[in-house]
Protein backbone atom coordinates (compact mmCIF):
# COMPACT_ATOMS: atom_id res chain seq x y z
CA MET A 1 -46.04 5.83 -123.11
CA THR A 2 -49.15 3.78 -122.50
CA LEU A 3 -51.46 2.89 -125.28
CA ASP A 4 -54.88 1.33 -124.22
CA ILE A 5 -56.59 0.46 -127.49
CA ALA A 6 -59.25 -2.11 -128.30
CA VAL A 7 -57.81 -2.89 -131.82
CA SER A 8 -60.68 -3.59 -134.10
CA GLU A 9 -60.82 -6.20 -136.84
CA THR A 10 -60.27 -4.10 -139.86
CA ALA A 11 -57.23 -2.34 -140.55
CA GLU A 12 -58.94 0.92 -141.13
CA SER A 13 -60.56 1.05 -137.81
CA ALA A 14 -57.20 0.02 -136.18
CA ALA A 15 -55.62 2.70 -137.71
CA ALA A 16 -58.16 5.03 -136.67
CA SER A 17 -57.92 3.87 -132.96
CA ILE A 18 -54.17 4.01 -133.03
CA GLU A 19 -54.19 7.63 -134.35
CA LYS A 20 -56.87 8.70 -131.78
CA ASP A 21 -54.58 7.33 -128.95
CA LEU A 22 -51.34 8.70 -130.30
CA ARG A 23 -52.95 12.02 -130.94
CA ARG A 24 -54.19 12.16 -127.49
CA ALA A 25 -51.07 11.41 -125.81
CA ILE A 26 -49.14 13.87 -128.06
CA VAL A 27 -51.61 16.68 -127.34
CA GLU A 28 -51.97 15.93 -123.53
CA LEU A 29 -47.89 16.00 -123.59
CA ASP A 30 -47.82 12.67 -122.28
CA MET A 31 -45.51 12.15 -125.08
CA LEU A 32 -43.19 14.92 -125.41
CA PRO A 33 -41.91 16.83 -128.52
CA GLY A 34 -38.65 15.05 -129.73
CA THR A 35 -40.02 11.61 -128.45
CA ARG A 36 -38.84 8.79 -131.05
CA LEU A 37 -41.58 6.55 -132.32
CA SER A 38 -41.27 2.89 -133.71
CA GLU A 39 -43.93 1.45 -135.95
CA GLN A 40 -42.52 -2.04 -134.81
CA ASP A 41 -42.53 -1.15 -131.02
CA ILE A 42 -46.17 0.28 -131.13
CA ALA A 43 -47.11 -2.72 -133.44
CA THR A 44 -45.76 -5.24 -131.09
CA ARG A 45 -47.20 -3.59 -127.89
CA LEU A 46 -50.64 -3.70 -129.54
CA GLY A 47 -50.42 -6.90 -131.08
CA VAL A 48 -51.07 -5.47 -134.57
CA SER A 49 -49.06 -5.52 -138.10
CA ARG A 50 -47.17 -2.60 -138.97
CA GLN A 51 -49.71 -1.46 -141.50
CA PRO A 52 -52.34 0.13 -139.35
CA VAL A 53 -49.73 2.01 -137.20
CA ARG A 54 -48.06 3.18 -140.35
CA GLU A 55 -51.30 4.63 -141.59
CA ALA A 56 -51.97 6.26 -138.15
CA MET A 57 -48.36 7.89 -138.31
CA ILE A 58 -49.07 9.16 -141.82
CA ARG A 59 -52.24 10.86 -140.64
CA LEU A 60 -50.42 12.38 -137.78
CA ALA A 61 -47.69 13.63 -140.01
CA ASN A 62 -50.09 15.16 -142.23
CA SER A 63 -51.62 17.14 -139.17
CA ARG A 64 -48.10 18.20 -138.20
CA LEU A 65 -47.94 16.40 -135.10
CA ILE A 66 -45.32 13.90 -135.99
CA GLU A 67 -42.16 14.15 -138.16
CA ILE A 68 -41.47 11.20 -140.28
CA ARG A 69 -37.96 11.40 -141.52
CA PRO A 70 -36.29 8.93 -144.01
CA HIS A 71 -33.53 6.96 -142.64
CA ARG A 72 -33.40 9.07 -139.27
CA GLY A 73 -36.67 7.63 -137.71
CA THR A 74 -40.11 9.12 -136.54
CA VAL A 75 -40.63 11.76 -133.52
CA VAL A 76 -43.05 13.78 -132.09
CA ALA A 77 -42.97 17.35 -133.71
CA ARG A 78 -41.57 20.21 -131.57
CA ILE A 79 -44.32 22.80 -130.66
CA SER A 80 -44.55 25.55 -133.46
CA ALA A 81 -45.58 28.79 -132.46
CA ARG A 82 -46.20 29.89 -135.84
CA GLU A 83 -48.54 26.74 -136.44
CA MET A 84 -50.25 27.56 -133.25
CA THR A 85 -51.03 31.04 -133.94
CA GLU A 86 -52.37 30.11 -137.54
CA ALA A 87 -54.52 27.64 -135.98
CA LEU A 88 -55.67 30.09 -133.43
CA PHE A 89 -56.48 32.59 -136.41
CA VAL A 90 -58.69 30.12 -137.91
CA ARG A 91 -60.27 28.74 -134.98
CA GLN A 92 -61.14 32.40 -133.74
CA SER A 93 -62.68 33.04 -137.18
CA VAL A 94 -65.02 30.09 -136.94
CA GLU A 95 -65.89 29.95 -133.26
CA ILE A 96 -66.66 33.85 -133.06
CA SER A 97 -69.00 33.37 -136.12
CA VAL A 98 -70.58 30.43 -134.06
CA VAL A 99 -71.39 32.60 -130.97
CA GLU A 100 -72.61 35.33 -133.25
CA ARG A 101 -75.31 33.08 -134.13
CA ALA A 102 -75.59 31.41 -130.84
CA ALA A 103 -76.40 34.74 -129.43
CA GLN A 104 -79.44 35.13 -131.87
CA ASN A 105 -80.91 31.62 -131.28
CA PHE A 106 -79.67 28.80 -129.08
CA ASP A 107 -81.16 25.56 -128.21
CA PRO A 108 -82.49 25.20 -124.81
CA TRP A 109 -81.55 21.46 -124.30
CA GLN A 110 -77.85 22.49 -125.23
CA ARG A 111 -77.93 25.42 -122.79
CA LYS A 112 -79.01 23.07 -119.87
CA ARG A 113 -76.06 20.74 -120.82
CA ILE A 114 -73.60 23.28 -121.22
CA GLU A 115 -74.56 24.41 -117.51
CA THR A 116 -73.68 20.94 -116.30
CA LEU A 117 -70.67 21.00 -118.31
CA MET A 118 -69.42 24.16 -116.47
CA ASP A 119 -70.13 22.95 -113.04
CA GLU A 120 -68.26 19.63 -113.86
CA GLN A 121 -65.22 21.66 -114.99
CA GLU A 122 -65.54 23.59 -111.64
CA ILE A 123 -65.18 20.10 -109.83
CA ASP A 124 -62.30 19.00 -112.29
CA ALA A 125 -60.44 22.48 -111.33
CA SER A 126 -60.86 21.64 -107.57
CA LYS A 127 -59.44 18.40 -107.90
CA LEU A 128 -56.81 19.31 -110.33
CA ASP A 129 -58.17 16.63 -112.76
CA HIS A 130 -56.47 17.86 -115.84
CA ALA A 131 -57.93 14.96 -117.99
CA GLY A 132 -61.55 15.45 -116.97
CA PHE A 133 -61.04 19.46 -117.52
CA ARG A 134 -59.66 19.16 -120.90
CA GLU A 135 -62.72 16.60 -121.94
CA HIS A 136 -65.20 18.89 -120.45
CA ASP A 137 -63.64 21.96 -122.06
CA GLU A 138 -63.70 20.58 -125.48
CA ALA A 139 -67.57 19.24 -124.95
CA PHE A 140 -68.33 22.91 -123.98
CA HIS A 141 -67.09 24.25 -127.52
CA ILE A 142 -68.81 21.45 -129.15
CA ALA A 143 -71.92 22.19 -127.31
CA ILE A 144 -72.04 25.70 -128.37
CA ALA A 145 -71.68 24.88 -131.94
CA LYS A 146 -74.40 22.46 -131.65
CA GLY A 147 -76.75 24.88 -129.82
CA ALA A 148 -76.06 27.32 -132.55
CA GLY A 149 -77.36 24.93 -134.91
CA VAL A 150 -73.88 24.59 -136.71
CA GLY A 151 -72.19 21.36 -135.16
CA ILE A 152 -70.37 20.94 -138.38
CA ALA A 153 -68.45 24.00 -137.54
CA TRP A 154 -66.38 22.22 -134.61
CA ILE A 155 -65.45 19.53 -137.40
CA ALA A 156 -63.75 22.03 -139.45
CA ILE A 157 -61.38 23.22 -136.92
CA ALA A 158 -60.83 19.88 -134.73
CA ASP A 159 -58.00 18.58 -136.49
CA MET A 160 -55.85 21.91 -136.64
CA LYS A 161 -56.79 22.75 -132.96
CA SER A 162 -54.20 20.29 -131.76
CA HIS A 163 -51.62 22.76 -132.11
CA MET A 164 -53.37 25.12 -129.87
CA ASP A 165 -54.00 22.32 -127.19
CA ARG A 166 -50.54 21.48 -126.81
CA VAL A 167 -49.71 24.91 -125.82
CA CYS A 168 -53.14 25.27 -123.82
CA ASN A 169 -52.21 22.27 -121.78
CA LEU A 170 -49.00 24.04 -120.71
CA THR A 171 -50.92 26.82 -119.30
CA LEU A 172 -53.50 24.44 -117.28
CA GLN A 173 -50.93 24.00 -114.34
CA SER A 174 -53.01 25.29 -111.35
CA GLU A 175 -56.65 25.29 -109.86
CA ALA A 176 -56.45 29.09 -110.53
CA ASP A 177 -55.49 28.50 -114.47
CA MET A 178 -58.44 26.16 -114.83
CA ALA A 179 -60.72 28.34 -112.87
CA ARG A 180 -59.98 31.26 -114.99
CA ARG A 181 -61.10 29.40 -117.88
CA VAL A 182 -64.38 28.44 -116.39
CA ARG A 183 -64.90 32.07 -115.65
CA GLU A 184 -64.33 32.76 -119.42
CA HIS A 185 -66.73 30.14 -120.36
CA ARG A 186 -69.45 31.59 -117.92
CA ALA A 187 -68.86 35.19 -119.42
CA ILE A 188 -69.64 33.72 -122.82
CA MET A 189 -72.92 32.05 -121.94
CA ALA A 190 -73.96 35.20 -120.23
CA ALA A 191 -73.67 37.03 -123.21
CA ILE A 192 -75.44 34.42 -125.04
CA ASP A 193 -78.37 34.30 -122.63
CA ALA A 194 -78.48 38.19 -122.91
CA ARG A 195 -78.53 37.90 -126.53
CA ASP A 196 -75.77 40.35 -126.67
CA VAL A 197 -74.00 39.47 -129.99
CA GLU A 198 -71.08 41.89 -129.55
CA ALA A 199 -70.58 40.88 -126.09
CA ALA A 200 -70.45 37.15 -126.95
CA LYS A 201 -68.13 37.74 -129.69
CA ALA A 202 -65.72 39.47 -127.45
CA ALA A 203 -66.00 37.06 -124.80
CA MET A 204 -65.02 34.26 -127.18
CA ALA A 205 -62.16 36.45 -128.57
CA THR A 206 -60.89 37.06 -125.24
CA HIS A 207 -61.03 33.42 -124.07
CA LEU A 208 -59.47 32.12 -127.17
CA GLY A 209 -56.77 34.66 -127.47
CA SER A 210 -55.58 34.59 -123.97
CA ILE A 211 -53.39 31.75 -124.71
CA LEU A 212 -51.12 34.47 -126.74
CA ASP A 213 -50.42 36.50 -123.56
CA HIS A 214 -48.62 33.07 -122.20
CA LEU A 215 -46.81 32.28 -125.26
CA PRO A 216 -43.67 34.35 -124.84
CA ALA A 217 -43.16 32.76 -121.10
CA LEU A 218 -44.08 29.32 -122.26
CA GLU A 219 -41.53 29.25 -125.09
CA THR A 220 -38.99 30.56 -122.68
CA LYS A 221 -39.82 27.99 -119.72
CA HIS A 222 -40.21 25.16 -122.19
CA SER A 223 -37.69 25.89 -124.76
CA SER A 224 -36.97 22.05 -125.26
CA LEU A 225 -40.54 21.60 -126.35
CA PHE A 226 -40.51 24.28 -129.12
CA VAL A 227 -39.23 24.83 -132.56
């Protein structure tokens, strides 16, 4: 595990930085489910006290990404298909409502930005740049919410989507996998451009729901990562 954090002077901002970096490592599967976490080891590596590390771990435990087990240690939580499908239900409810609004009225500046994001995702796919692809993928969904005038909608789902993201990252194993997701993004935007509300909702539902098609195979192939 590599932690690269510019720890701030205050304990609160240090805890936030540590949480962000640990969350990224967990979601991107740099830290696999079952990995043991030590407050002292992380604090020593970062040159901070244990307090901000402890606060970061409590936040991650509240998000159900790690398990703090008294007298047995702290570990990265295994992927729960149930929690993933619950997160998917909430995310679909929010983002389908977002694209419904987007298809009725969309900010032109965000539309131009999204075109650039999709082009960058295609480049990421051709290079098998998984980190860049994930970054641009999230920026795409944020831009849709902002373009629809409901940027706060993304904030509402940002935490719980971590459970989906871990599964999604298991599916992004090839250029074809990533190219398919870009095509789905373009289908969503084509419907928004056409002001076709029903097509936009259907395209978003397909895009988000496709993860369920892969779930049984992923649980079989990566059984050690799942509950």
